[in-house]
């Protein structure tokens, strides 16, 4: 989400989408974690979706980040964005009362949302933000619901992903949520990825995907190893501020994140620049 003076710049969003449209991406996530969705009002969120839909080609999917602390609020928000457009809802688990979020509670939550959602649901597992994992047990019980079409897993845990894939659920697609596991996830059978790194290195992510599909594993392996440091710097270490700085360096608009998140300092910027140069991403 691009901000100027701490307010959303919908013009900058449109400009970024037009540039991303030059790459053969399968689609976009609006209101994801790296979109700072938790920093936005409901009105902001709806305007973000409205703007994105205007500029995303019809042949690309739009996944909308959803998920609130209450089942009712989640369902109501999904219904609102469905009236605007979009192809699926990315639903994070409730986590404020995480001690009460036992497997049976999460199972009931996802099933009720799926039952009442007017669009397909993708479960979002992101333990570093929620402090809890959507267990394999829960996925085994909800993954066969016809309106639950898959999950985004940002745990970075390959063993967990193997266990999900081993369930053999039909019409349930695993998407890895971190570029650090893109190659191994795809080799195991993941359908693709929803990646922060694709904001700044879309073609590199696409190349890894395409090489795996073509069984060019050595080419994919070499590229996978090259992206790990940049991905660490722009997600885990310096977070959204680091990602936005990288965007600013390569011709997109990143800008400052919403406070209290911060933009990198000079030393942090230099580390990111070094990796951008290595990958030949600078204009």
Protein backbone atom coordinates (compact mmCIF):
# COMPACT_ATOMS: atom_id res chain seq x y z
CA UNK A 1 0.00 0.00 0.00
CA UNK A 2 1.68 3.26 -1.10
CA UNK A 3 1.49 6.17 1.33
CA UNK A 4 2.34 9.83 0.81
CA UNK A 5 2.28 11.89 4.01
CA UNK A 6 0.82 8.82 5.73
CA UNK A 7 -2.27 8.81 3.46
CA UNK A 8 -2.89 6.22 0.75
CA UNK A 9 -1.88 7.32 -2.73
CA UNK A 10 -4.25 5.52 -5.06
CA UNK A 11 -2.46 7.05 -8.06
CA UNK A 12 0.80 5.45 -6.94
CA UNK A 13 -0.99 2.14 -6.50
CA UNK A 14 -2.31 2.35 -10.05
CA UNK A 15 1.17 3.16 -11.37
CA UNK A 16 2.69 0.18 -9.58
CA UNK A 17 0.03 -2.22 -10.85
CA UNK A 18 0.55 -1.03 -14.42
CA UNK A 19 4.26 -1.84 -14.10
CA UNK A 20 3.61 -5.26 -12.54
CA UNK A 21 1.23 -5.96 -15.41
CA UNK A 22 4.30 -6.07 -17.68
CA UNK A 23 5.25 -9.37 -16.04
CA UNK A 24 3.23 -12.58 -16.67
CA UNK A 25 2.09 -12.91 -13.06
CA UNK A 26 -0.94 -15.08 -12.34
CA UNK A 27 -2.53 -12.43 -10.17
CA UNK A 28 -2.31 -10.15 -7.16
CA UNK A 29 -3.09 -10.11 -3.47
CA UNK A 30 -4.67 -6.89 -2.24
CA UNK A 31 -4.67 -6.22 1.52
CA UNK A 32 -2.06 -8.83 2.35
CA UNK A 33 0.45 -8.65 5.18
CA UNK A 34 2.92 -6.65 3.11
CA UNK A 35 0.06 -4.40 2.05
CA UNK A 36 -0.08 -3.20 5.67
CA UNK A 37 -3.72 -4.23 5.84
CA UNK A 38 -3.77 -4.01 9.64
CA UNK A 39 -2.84 -0.32 9.32
CA UNK A 40 -5.90 0.48 7.19
CA UNK A 41 -9.44 1.48 8.04
CA UNK A 42 -12.30 -0.47 6.51
CA UNK A 43 -12.92 2.43 4.13
CA UNK A 44 -9.24 2.39 3.12
CA UNK A 45 -9.47 -1.34 2.47
CA UNK A 46 -12.52 -1.05 0.24
CA UNK A 47 -10.96 1.78 -1.76
CA UNK A 48 -7.79 -0.28 -2.21
CA UNK A 49 -9.82 -3.11 -3.71
CA UNK A 50 -11.79 -0.75 -5.94
CA UNK A 51 -8.60 0.82 -7.29
CA UNK A 52 -6.79 -2.46 -7.86
CA UNK A 53 -9.68 -3.97 -9.78
CA UNK A 54 -9.66 -1.05 -12.21
CA UNK A 55 -6.09 -1.77 -13.27
CA UNK A 56 -5.69 -5.55 -13.03
CA UNK A 57 -6.36 -7.34 -16.35
CA UNK A 58 -9.37 -9.63 -16.48
CA UNK A 59 -7.21 -12.70 -17.07
CA UNK A 60 -5.43 -12.31 -13.72
CA UNK A 61 -6.87 -13.29 -10.37
CA UNK A 62 -7.32 -10.87 -7.49
CA UNK A 63 -7.12 -12.35 -4.00
CA UNK A 64 -8.38 -10.13 -1.19
CA UNK A 65 -6.84 -10.27 2.27
CA UNK A 66 -9.57 -10.84 4.86
CA UNK A 67 -9.95 -12.25 8.31
CA UNK A 68 -11.00 -10.47 11.49
CA UNK A 69 -11.11 -11.48 15.12
CA UNK A 70 -14.79 -12.40 14.88
CA UNK A 71 -16.40 -14.80 12.46
CA UNK A 72 -19.20 -12.35 11.75
CA UNK A 73 -16.86 -9.47 10.89
CA UNK A 74 -14.85 -11.70 8.56
CA UNK A 75 -17.95 -12.83 6.68
CA UNK A 76 -19.35 -9.30 6.44
CA UNK A 77 -16.07 -7.93 5.08
CA UNK A 78 -15.82 -10.69 2.48
CA UNK A 79 -19.36 -9.91 1.34
CA UNK A 80 -18.46 -6.24 0.98
CA UNK A 81 -15.38 -6.85 -1.15
CA UNK A 82 -17.21 -9.46 -3.19
CA UNK A 83 -19.67 -6.79 -4.28
CA UNK A 84 -16.70 -4.80 -5.60
CA UNK A 85 -14.98 -7.74 -7.26
CA UNK A 86 -12.18 -10.19 -6.62
CA UNK A 87 -11.76 -13.91 -7.09
CA UNK A 88 -10.97 -15.29 -3.63
CA UNK A 89 -10.56 -14.29 0.02
CA UNK A 90 -7.30 -14.90 1.87
CA UNK A 91 -8.47 -15.56 5.42
CA UNK A 92 -6.07 -15.31 8.34
CA UNK A 93 -6.93 -17.04 11.60
CA UNK A 94 -8.17 -15.04 14.61
CA UNK A 95 -5.31 -14.68 17.07
CA UNK A 96 -5.88 -11.95 19.66
CA UNK A 97 -7.33 -14.58 22.00
CA UNK A 98 -4.82 -17.14 20.78
CA UNK A 99 -4.99 -19.31 23.90
CA UNK A 100 -8.62 -20.02 23.03
CA UNK A 101 -7.87 -20.75 19.38
CA UNK A 102 -7.83 -24.52 19.81
CA UNK A 103 -8.05 -26.77 16.73
CA UNK A 104 -11.80 -27.24 17.12
CA UNK A 105 -12.35 -23.46 17.33
CA UNK A 106 -10.29 -22.78 14.19
CA UNK A 107 -12.02 -25.64 12.39
CA UNK A 108 -15.44 -24.17 13.13
CA UNK A 109 -14.24 -20.68 12.18
CA UNK A 110 -12.95 -21.66 8.74
CA UNK A 111 -15.94 -23.88 7.99
CA UNK A 112 -18.47 -21.19 8.90
CA UNK A 113 -16.60 -18.56 6.88
CA UNK A 114 -16.39 -20.91 3.90
CA UNK A 115 -20.06 -21.80 4.17
CA UNK A 116 -21.20 -18.17 4.17
CA UNK A 117 -18.56 -16.61 1.93
CA UNK A 118 -19.75 -15.67 -1.57
CA UNK A 119 -16.22 -16.23 -2.92
CA UNK A 120 -13.71 -19.07 -2.54
CA UNK A 121 -11.59 -19.08 0.61
CA UNK A 122 -7.83 -19.52 0.91
CA UNK A 123 -6.61 -20.19 4.45
CA UNK A 124 -3.65 -18.05 5.52
CA UNK A 125 -1.16 -19.65 7.91
CA UNK A 126 1.37 -17.07 9.16
CA UNK A 127 2.62 -18.02 12.65
CA UNK A 128 5.10 -15.14 12.91
CA UNK A 129 2.17 -12.68 12.96
CA UNK A 130 -0.55 -14.72 14.64
CA UNK A 131 1.55 -16.63 17.15
CA UNK A 132 -0.26 -19.82 16.24
CA UNK A 133 -0.18 -22.44 13.53
CA UNK A 134 -3.20 -23.73 11.64
CA UNK A 135 -2.50 -27.38 12.36
CA UNK A 136 -2.39 -30.16 9.79
CA UNK A 137 -5.27 -31.68 11.75
CA UNK A 138 -7.42 -28.61 11.10
CA UNK A 139 -6.53 -28.56 7.40
CA UNK A 140 -7.39 -32.25 7.11
CA UNK A 141 -10.89 -31.49 8.42
CA UNK A 142 -11.67 -28.29 6.52
CA UNK A 143 -9.66 -28.71 3.31
CA UNK A 144 -12.29 -30.80 1.58
CA UNK A 145 -14.97 -28.11 1.91
CA UNK A 146 -15.90 -27.13 -1.66
CA UNK A 147 -15.46 -23.41 -0.95
CA UNK A 148 -11.99 -23.80 0.60
CA UNK A 149 -9.65 -24.00 -2.36
CA UNK A 150 -6.27 -23.94 -0.69
CA UNK A 151 -3.93 -22.24 1.72
CA UNK A 152 -1.05 -19.80 1.80
CA UNK A 153 1.63 -21.04 4.18
CA UNK A 154 4.14 -18.44 5.34
CA UNK A 155 5.67 -20.55 8.09
CA UNK A 156 8.76 -21.40 6.04
CA UNK A 157 8.43 -24.91 7.48
CA UNK A 158 9.02 -27.45 4.71
CA UNK A 159 8.06 -30.38 6.95
CA UNK A 160 4.71 -28.72 7.64
CA UNK A 161 4.13 -28.22 3.92
CA UNK A 162 5.00 -31.85 3.24
CA UNK A 163 2.39 -32.90 5.77
CA UNK A 164 -0.24 -30.70 4.12
CA UNK A 165 0.54 -32.07 0.67
CA UNK A 166 0.56 -35.63 2.03
CA UNK A 167 -3.11 -35.23 2.94
CA UNK A 168 -3.86 -35.54 -0.78
CA UNK A 169 -6.85 -33.19 -0.65
CA UNK A 170 -8.57 -32.77 -4.01
CA UNK A 171 -9.05 -29.25 -5.34
CA UNK A 172 -6.94 -27.88 -2.48
CA UNK A 173 -3.87 -25.92 -3.54
CA UNK A 174 -0.85 -25.09 -1.40
CA UNK A 175 0.81 -21.73 -2.06
CA UNK A 176 4.07 -20.98 -0.31
CA UNK A 177 4.19 -17.59 1.36
CA UNK A 178 7.94 -16.99 1.38
CA UNK A 179 10.40 -16.87 -1.49
CA UNK A 180 12.95 -18.69 0.68
CA UNK A 181 10.98 -21.92 0.19
CA UNK A 182 9.79 -21.35 -3.37
CA UNK A 183 11.89 -24.03 -5.08
CA UNK A 184 11.49 -26.82 -2.50
CA UNK A 185 7.77 -26.10 -2.15
CA UNK A 186 7.22 -26.32 -5.90
CA UNK A 187 9.23 -29.52 -6.18
CA UNK A 188 7.06 -31.12 -3.49
CA UNK A 189 3.89 -30.15 -5.33
CA UNK A 190 2.88 -26.66 -4.25
CA UNK A 191 0.80 -24.87 -6.86
CA UNK A 192 2.72 -21.59 -6.65
CA UNK A 193 3.53 -18.78 -4.29
CA UNK A 194 2.26 -15.50 -2.87
CA UNK A 195 5.54 -13.73 -2.30
CA UNK A 196 6.65 -10.37 -0.92
CA UNK A 197 9.75 -10.69 -3.09
CA UNK A 198 7.58 -10.63 -6.22
CA UNK A 199 6.97 -6.94 -5.54
CA UNK A 200 10.60 -6.24 -6.42
CA UNK A 201 11.76 -9.32 -8.34
CA UNK A 202 8.72 -10.68 -10.18
CA UNK A 203 10.67 -12.09 -13.11
CA UNK A 204 13.11 -13.94 -10.87
CA UNK A 205 10.23 -15.59 -9.02
CA UNK A 206 8.61 -16.46 -12.34
CA UNK A 207 11.87 -17.93 -13.63
CA UNK A 208 12.17 -20.26 -10.65
CA UNK A 209 8.56 -21.36 -11.13
CA UNK A 210 8.98 -21.94 -14.86
CA UNK A 211 12.28 -23.79 -14.49
CA UNK A 212 10.76 -26.17 -11.95
CA UNK A 213 7.87 -26.86 -14.33
CA UNK A 214 10.42 -27.53 -17.09
CA UNK A 215 12.48 -29.72 -14.72
CA UNK A 216 15.49 -27.42 -15.05
CA UNK A 217 16.35 -27.98 -11.43
CA UNK A 218 19.96 -26.78 -11.47
CA UNK A 219 19.00 -23.42 -12.97
CA UNK A 220 16.24 -23.06 -10.40
CA UNK A 221 18.55 -24.07 -7.55
CA UNK A 222 21.17 -21.48 -8.41
CA UNK A 223 18.60 -18.70 -8.61
CA UNK A 224 16.88 -19.84 -5.43
CA UNK A 225 20.13 -19.51 -3.50
CA UNK A 226 20.78 -16.05 -4.93
CA UNK A 227 17.48 -14.56 -3.71
CA UNK A 228 17.61 -15.74 -0.10
CA UNK A 229 19.56 -12.81 1.33
CA UNK A 230 17.46 -10.14 -0.41
CA UNK A 231 14.30 -11.87 0.73
CA UNK A 232 15.57 -11.96 4.32
CA UNK A 233 16.44 -8.26 4.26
CA UNK A 234 13.12 -7.13 2.78
CA UNK A 235 10.85 -9.34 4.85
CA UNK A 236 12.18 -10.68 8.13
CA UNK A 237 15.01 -8.29 9.01
CA UNK A 238 13.83 -4.85 7.87
CA UNK A 239 10.28 -5.80 7.03
CA UNK A 240 7.91 -3.68 5.02
CA UNK A 241 10.15 -0.61 5.25
CA UNK A 242 12.96 -2.60 3.65
CA UNK A 243 10.67 -3.89 0.93
CA UNK A 244 9.41 -0.40 0.16
CA UNK A 245 12.95 0.98 0.00
CA UNK A 246 13.86 -1.74 -2.51
CA UNK A 247 10.80 -0.83 -4.58
CA UNK A 248 11.90 2.81 -4.62
CA UNK A 249 15.31 1.82 -5.99
CA UNK A 250 14.06 -0.21 -8.95
CA UNK A 251 11.41 2.06 -10.44
CA UNK A 252 8.32 1.29 -8.38
CA UNK A 253 6.88 3.52 -5.68
CA UNK A 254 7.40 2.17 -2.19
CA UNK A 255 7.46 5.23 0.02
CA UNK A 256 7.34 5.23 3.79
CA UNK A 257 5.31 2.61 5.61
CA UNK A 258 2.63 3.80 7.99
CA UNK A 259 3.98 4.67 11.42
CA UNK A 260 5.15 3.24 13.70
CA UNK A 261 6.85 1.11 11.01
CA UNK A 262 9.99 2.77 9.75
CA UNK A 263 12.01 3.21 6.57
CA UNK A 264 15.57 1.78 6.65
CA UNK A 265 18.48 3.90 7.85
CA UNK A 266 21.58 4.46 5.68
CA UNK A 267 23.40 1.34 6.84
CA UNK A 268 20.32 -0.82 6.29
CA UNK A 269 19.76 0.72 2.86
CA UNK A 270 23.29 -0.19 1.82
CA UNK A 271 22.73 -3.85 2.65
CA UNK A 272 19.61 -3.93 0.50
CA UNK A 273 21.33 -2.06 -2.34
CA UNK A 274 24.16 -4.60 -2.34
CA UNK A 275 21.72 -7.45 -2.93
CA UNK A 276 19.76 -5.53 -5.58
CA UNK A 277 23.04 -5.00 -7.45
CA UNK A 278 23.98 -8.67 -7.21
CA UNK A 279 20.66 -9.64 -8.78
CA UNK A 280 20.94 -6.89 -11.42
CA UNK A 281 17.63 -5.39 -10.37
CA UNK A 282 18.75 -1.76 -10.34
CA UNK A 283 17.80 0.28 -13.44
